[in-house]
Amino acid sequence: MKYPDFFDNIAPIQMFDPLAQQLGAVADGQLTYTYLDMVKLAGHSCPTVAGAWIMSDLGLRKLHGDATPTRGNIKIEMLGGLDEGVNGVIAQCIGLVTGAANEGGFKGLGGNYARNNRLFFDCNINGEVRLTRIDNGQNIMMRFDPSSIPFHPQLRPLMQKMGKGCIENEEKVFFATEWQNRVKKILTQPNRWAQLITFE
């Protein structure tokens, strides 16, 4: 499988999943998630998926410090509705790492290891996303804004051509390259993350 090289330069997120350990899927329960895993889930790499990755990474580190977060112990609350903008994509991507799911998620074993009812939309919060530790109630509120890293000026007209089905092959290559160049700038320059993420 061929994908942009910078994907491999993004530090993975380490989680402990007691359910995976209990059921013998992973002997020590240690799961490693990569940005490529999130791309596979979403089916694409874009600023929204990059933002979900950053919020997952920073949010979990803010809530756990140097300790490994426990998968299934995080509740996700979204400001907007499920069908509004990219809320569904963001929630699904963060849910990949944290295990949080809506009412359709895994309901647990004997009252333990549940993953359902941990993802909510249309919440009365000040930020875009709030992550809460279920064990102690500690939470972090975040808002992602990638506008400080602009699109290449030729991408918008090319996107219109793509929508009309009249884009040339060399234009497709240019579009894909520049699209991922922006994602790379978002993900591989951590000093810029302070400009991209607001903690409420």
Foldseek 3Di string as FASTA:
>chain_A
DDDDPCQVVFAWAWAAEVVCCVVVVDVRRIDTGGLVNLCVVLVHFFPLSLQLVVCLVVFVCVVPPPDHHYALQKAKEFQADCPPDCLVSSQVSSCVVRVADEQPFACDDPNPRTRYNRYYYNDPDDAGMKMAGNVPGDIWGKHFDLVVQPQDVVQVVQVVCVVVVNHDPVSVVVNVVRRVVSSSVSRVPVVCVVVGMDID
